[in-house]
Amino acid sequence: MVRIQKRLVKKRYYGKALYQYPVYSFNIPKKFHELLQPFVGEELQADIECKSNTLIIMLTPKPRKPLEKPFLNKKNANLPSAKSRENSDNYEQF
């Protein structure tokens, strides 16, 4: 059994204005903990539907961006090419 909980968060800005907003949450029963382990720490997209007195909450992981290698994928790296390094070595010898 799951119960939706509502709490009111109150924040003060500069000691004067009070800003408040509701936060909804629910606890997931222990029997589902093994199913959740692959998604712990991931960003999930939530889609919520209400059909015939039933609340459907669908969580899907957001697609990850492929990790970029910051140096190798740059088109204009700030390092001289091998040929220009060879030429600069020749100039340094004189």
N, C-alpha and C. Protein backbone atom coordinates (compact mmCIF):
# COMPACT_ATOMS: atom_id res chain seq x y z
N MET A 1 0.84 -1.18 0.00
CA MET A 1 0.00 0.00 0.00
C MET A 1 0.89 1.24 0.00
N VAL A 2 0.50 2.22 -0.80
CA VAL A 2 1.23 3.47 -0.91
C VAL A 2 0.29 4.61 -0.61
N ARG A 3 0.76 5.57 0.14
CA ARG A 3 -0.04 6.74 0.47
C ARG A 3 0.69 7.98 -0.03
N ILE A 4 -0.01 8.81 -0.78
CA ILE A 4 0.58 10.05 -1.27
C ILE A 4 0.57 11.05 -0.13
N GLN A 5 1.74 11.65 0.10
CA GLN A 5 1.89 12.61 1.19
C GLN A 5 2.10 14.01 0.62
N LYS A 6 1.53 14.99 1.29
CA LYS A 6 1.69 16.38 0.87
C LYS A 6 2.24 17.17 2.04
N ARG A 7 3.27 17.97 1.77
CA ARG A 7 3.78 18.87 2.80
C ARG A 7 4.00 20.23 2.19
N LEU A 8 3.88 21.22 2.99
CA LEU A 8 4.01 22.59 2.53
C LEU A 8 5.40 23.10 2.91
N VAL A 9 6.19 23.45 1.91
CA VAL A 9 7.54 23.97 2.14
C VAL A 9 7.44 25.49 2.21
N LYS A 10 8.01 26.04 3.26
CA LYS A 10 7.98 27.50 3.43
C LYS A 10 9.41 28.02 3.43
N LYS A 11 9.65 29.03 2.64
CA LYS A 11 10.98 29.65 2.57
C LYS A 11 10.83 31.15 2.72
N ARG A 12 11.75 31.74 3.44
CA ARG A 12 11.78 33.19 3.60
C ARG A 12 12.92 33.75 2.78
N TYR A 13 12.65 34.84 2.08
CA TYR A 13 13.67 35.51 1.29
C TYR A 13 14.01 36.83 1.96
N TYR A 14 15.25 36.99 2.32
CA TYR A 14 15.77 38.20 2.95
C TYR A 14 15.02 38.53 4.24
N GLY A 15 14.48 37.52 4.89
CA GLY A 15 13.80 37.72 6.17
C GLY A 15 12.47 38.43 6.08
N LYS A 16 11.98 38.67 4.87
CA LYS A 16 10.74 39.42 4.71
C LYS A 16 9.67 38.59 4.01
N ALA A 17 9.83 38.35 2.75
CA ALA A 17 8.81 37.67 1.97
C ALA A 17 8.79 36.18 2.30
N LEU A 18 7.61 35.62 2.38
CA LEU A 18 7.44 34.20 2.63
C LEU A 18 6.94 33.55 1.34
N TYR A 19 7.66 32.55 0.88
CA TYR A 19 7.28 31.82 -0.32
C TYR A 19 6.98 30.41 0.11
N GLN A 20 5.83 29.88 -0.31
CA GLN A 20 5.49 28.51 0.06
C GLN A 20 4.93 27.76 -1.14
N TYR A 21 5.23 26.45 -1.17
CA TYR A 21 4.74 25.61 -2.25
C TYR A 21 4.57 24.19 -1.74
N PRO A 22 3.63 23.43 -2.31
CA PRO A 22 3.42 22.05 -1.87
C PRO A 22 4.41 21.10 -2.54
N VAL A 23 4.79 20.06 -1.80
CA VAL A 23 5.64 19.00 -2.31
C VAL A 23 4.92 17.69 -2.06
N TYR A 24 4.74 16.89 -3.11
CA TYR A 24 4.07 15.61 -3.00
C TYR A 24 5.10 14.49 -3.07
N SER A 25 4.90 13.45 -2.28
CA SER A 25 5.83 12.33 -2.29
C SER A 25 5.11 11.07 -1.84
N PHE A 26 5.75 9.94 -2.07
CA PHE A 26 5.23 8.68 -1.55
C PHE A 26 6.40 7.72 -1.37
N ASN A 27 6.24 6.81 -0.44
CA ASN A 27 7.26 5.80 -0.18
C ASN A 27 6.96 4.57 -1.03
N ILE A 28 8.01 3.93 -1.51
CA ILE A 28 7.86 2.74 -2.33
C ILE A 28 8.09 1.53 -1.43
N PRO A 29 7.17 0.57 -1.43
CA PRO A 29 7.31 -0.60 -0.57
C PRO A 29 8.59 -1.39 -0.84
N LYS A 30 9.06 -2.07 0.17
CA LYS A 30 10.33 -2.79 0.11
C LYS A 30 10.34 -3.89 -0.96
N LYS A 31 9.20 -4.47 -1.24
CA LYS A 31 9.17 -5.56 -2.22
C LYS A 31 9.56 -5.09 -3.63
N PHE A 32 9.56 -3.78 -3.87
CA PHE A 32 9.94 -3.24 -5.17
C PHE A 32 11.36 -2.68 -5.19
N HIS A 33 12.07 -2.72 -4.09
CA HIS A 33 13.41 -2.12 -4.01
C HIS A 33 14.39 -2.74 -5.01
N GLU A 34 14.31 -4.05 -5.22
CA GLU A 34 15.25 -4.69 -6.17
C GLU A 34 15.01 -4.19 -7.60
N LEU A 35 13.77 -3.90 -7.93
CA LEU A 35 13.46 -3.38 -9.27
C LEU A 35 14.00 -1.97 -9.46
N LEU A 36 14.13 -1.23 -8.37
CA LEU A 36 14.55 0.17 -8.46
C LEU A 36 16.06 0.35 -8.54
N GLN A 37 16.84 -0.62 -8.12
CA GLN A 37 18.29 -0.47 -8.02
C GLN A 37 18.96 0.01 -9.30
N PRO A 38 18.58 -0.48 -10.50
CA PRO A 38 19.27 0.03 -11.70
C PRO A 38 19.02 1.51 -11.98
N PHE A 39 17.99 2.08 -11.38
CA PHE A 39 17.63 3.46 -11.67
C PHE A 39 18.06 4.45 -10.59
N VAL A 40 18.68 3.96 -9.54
CA VAL A 40 19.11 4.84 -8.45
C VAL A 40 20.19 5.78 -8.97
N GLY A 41 20.02 7.07 -8.73
CA GLY A 41 20.98 8.08 -9.16
C GLY A 41 20.79 8.56 -10.59
N GLU A 42 19.85 7.99 -11.33
CA GLU A 42 19.59 8.40 -12.71
C GLU A 42 18.51 9.48 -12.72
N GLU A 43 18.52 10.29 -13.77
CA GLU A 43 17.43 11.24 -13.97
C GLU A 43 16.30 10.51 -14.67
N LEU A 44 15.09 10.63 -14.11
CA LEU A 44 13.94 9.94 -14.66
C LEU A 44 12.90 10.95 -15.12
N GLN A 45 12.25 10.64 -16.22
CA GLN A 45 11.17 11.48 -16.71
C GLN A 45 9.87 10.88 -16.20
N ALA A 46 9.00 11.70 -15.62
CA ALA A 46 7.75 11.22 -15.05
C ALA A 46 6.58 11.58 -15.95
N ASP A 47 5.75 10.59 -16.25
CA ASP A 47 4.50 10.79 -16.96
C ASP A 47 3.39 10.26 -16.07
N ILE A 48 2.37 11.08 -15.82
CA ILE A 48 1.30 10.71 -14.90
C ILE A 48 -0.03 10.79 -15.63
N GLU A 49 -0.83 9.73 -15.49
CA GLU A 49 -2.16 9.68 -16.09
C GLU A 49 -3.17 9.26 -15.04
N CYS A 50 -4.39 9.69 -15.22
CA CYS A 50 -5.48 9.27 -14.36
C CYS A 50 -6.55 8.64 -15.25
N LYS A 51 -6.77 7.33 -15.10
CA LYS A 51 -7.76 6.61 -15.90
C LYS A 51 -8.70 5.85 -14.97
N SER A 52 -9.96 6.14 -15.09
CA SER A 52 -11.02 5.42 -14.37
C SER A 52 -10.64 5.13 -12.90
N ASN A 53 -10.40 6.20 -12.16
CA ASN A 53 -10.10 6.11 -10.73
C ASN A 53 -8.78 5.36 -10.45
N THR A 54 -7.86 5.37 -11.41
CA THR A 54 -6.55 4.74 -11.25
C THR A 54 -5.48 5.76 -11.62
N LEU A 55 -4.48 5.89 -10.78
CA LEU A 55 -3.36 6.80 -11.04
C LEU A 55 -2.20 5.99 -11.58
N ILE A 56 -1.73 6.34 -12.77
CA ILE A 56 -0.61 5.64 -13.39
C ILE A 56 0.57 6.59 -13.45
N ILE A 57 1.66 6.20 -12.78
CA ILE A 57 2.90 6.99 -12.78
C ILE A 57 3.95 6.17 -13.52
N MET A 58 4.40 6.69 -14.66
CA MET A 58 5.39 5.99 -15.46
C MET A 58 6.70 6.76 -15.42
N LEU A 59 7.75 6.10 -14.95
CA LEU A 59 9.08 6.70 -14.86
C LEU A 59 9.97 6.06 -15.90
N THR A 60 10.56 6.88 -16.77
CA THR A 60 11.48 6.37 -17.78
C THR A 60 12.79 7.14 -17.68
N PRO A 61 13.93 6.43 -17.79
CA PRO A 61 15.21 7.13 -17.72
C PRO A 61 15.40 8.04 -18.93
N LYS A 62 15.97 9.22 -18.66
CA LYS A 62 16.28 10.15 -19.75
C LYS A 62 17.46 9.59 -20.53
N PRO A 63 17.44 9.71 -21.86
CA PRO A 63 18.58 9.21 -22.62
C PRO A 63 19.84 9.98 -22.27
N ARG A 64 20.91 9.26 -22.11
CA ARG A 64 22.19 9.89 -21.76
C ARG A 64 22.88 10.39 -23.02
N LYS A 65 23.58 11.48 -22.87
CA LYS A 65 24.41 11.97 -23.96
C LYS A 65 25.69 11.16 -23.97
N PRO A 66 26.21 10.81 -25.13
CA PRO A 66 27.48 10.09 -25.15
C PRO A 66 28.58 10.99 -24.58
N LEU A 67 29.46 10.38 -23.80
CA LEU A 67 30.54 11.15 -23.19
C LEU A 67 31.50 11.63 -24.27
N GLU A 68 31.79 12.89 -24.24
CA GLU A 68 32.72 13.46 -25.20
C GLU A 68 34.10 13.53 -24.59
N LYS A 69 35.08 13.23 -25.39
CA LYS A 69 36.46 13.43 -24.96
C LYS A 69 36.78 14.87 -25.31
N PRO A 70 36.93 15.74 -24.32
CA PRO A 70 37.01 17.17 -24.58
C PRO A 70 38.15 17.57 -25.51
N PHE A 71 39.29 16.90 -25.44
CA PHE A 71 40.42 17.32 -26.25
C PHE A 71 40.35 16.73 -27.65
N LEU A 72 40.02 15.45 -27.76
CA LEU A 72 40.09 14.77 -29.05
C LEU A 72 38.99 15.20 -30.01
N ASN A 73 37.86 15.66 -29.51
CA ASN A 73 36.77 16.02 -30.40
C ASN A 73 36.82 17.47 -30.86
N LYS A 74 37.75 18.24 -30.37
CA LYS A 74 37.86 19.63 -30.79
C LYS A 74 38.46 19.69 -32.19
N LYS A 75 37.83 20.49 -33.04
CA LYS A 75 38.34 20.63 -34.40
C LYS A 75 39.60 21.49 -34.43
N ASN A 76 39.60 22.53 -33.64
CA ASN A 76 40.73 23.46 -33.66
C ASN A 76 41.46 23.40 -32.32
N ALA A 77 42.26 22.39 -32.15
CA ALA A 77 43.02 22.27 -30.91
C ALA A 77 44.13 23.32 -30.93
N ASN A 78 44.54 23.78 -29.78
CA ASN A 78 45.54 24.84 -29.68
C ASN A 78 46.96 24.31 -29.68
N LEU A 79 47.14 23.06 -30.04
CA LEU A 79 48.49 22.51 -30.11
C LEU A 79 48.98 22.52 -31.54
N PRO A 80 50.25 22.78 -31.75
CA PRO A 80 50.78 22.77 -33.12
C PRO A 80 50.81 21.35 -33.67
N SER A 81 50.71 21.22 -34.98
CA SER A 81 50.75 19.90 -35.61
C SER A 81 52.17 19.36 -35.54
N ALA A 82 52.33 18.10 -35.89
CA ALA A 82 53.64 17.46 -35.83
C ALA A 82 54.62 18.14 -36.79
N LYS A 83 54.14 18.53 -37.99
CA LYS A 83 55.02 19.17 -38.96
C LYS A 83 55.50 20.52 -38.46
N SER A 84 54.61 21.29 -37.85
CA SER A 84 55.04 22.61 -37.38
C SER A 84 55.99 22.46 -36.19
N ARG A 85 55.84 21.40 -35.40
CA ARG A 85 56.78 21.18 -34.31
C ARG A 85 58.15 20.81 -34.86
N GLU A 86 58.19 20.03 -35.95
CA GLU A 86 59.47 19.67 -36.56
C GLU A 86 60.16 20.93 -37.09
N ASN A 87 59.38 21.80 -37.72
CA ASN A 87 59.94 23.02 -38.28
C ASN A 87 60.44 23.95 -37.18
N SER A 88 59.72 24.03 -36.08
CA SER A 88 60.15 24.91 -35.00
C SER A 88 61.41 24.38 -34.34
N ASP A 89 61.59 23.04 -34.33
CA ASP A 89 62.82 22.49 -33.79
C ASP A 89 64.02 22.89 -34.65
N ASN A 90 63.81 22.90 -35.97
CA ASN A 90 64.89 23.30 -36.87
C ASN A 90 65.30 24.74 -36.63
N TYR A 91 64.32 25.61 -36.39
CA TYR A 91 64.64 27.02 -36.16
C TYR A 91 65.36 27.21 -34.84
N GLU A 92 65.06 26.38 -33.87
CA GLU A 92 65.68 26.55 -32.55
C GLU A 92 67.15 26.14 -32.59
N GLN A 93 67.53 25.27 -33.53
CA GLN A 93 68.91 24.82 -33.58
C GLN A 93 69.84 25.92 -34.06
N PHE A 94 69.37 26.85 -34.88
CA PHE A 94 70.25 27.88 -35.42
C PHE A 94 70.55 28.90 -34.43
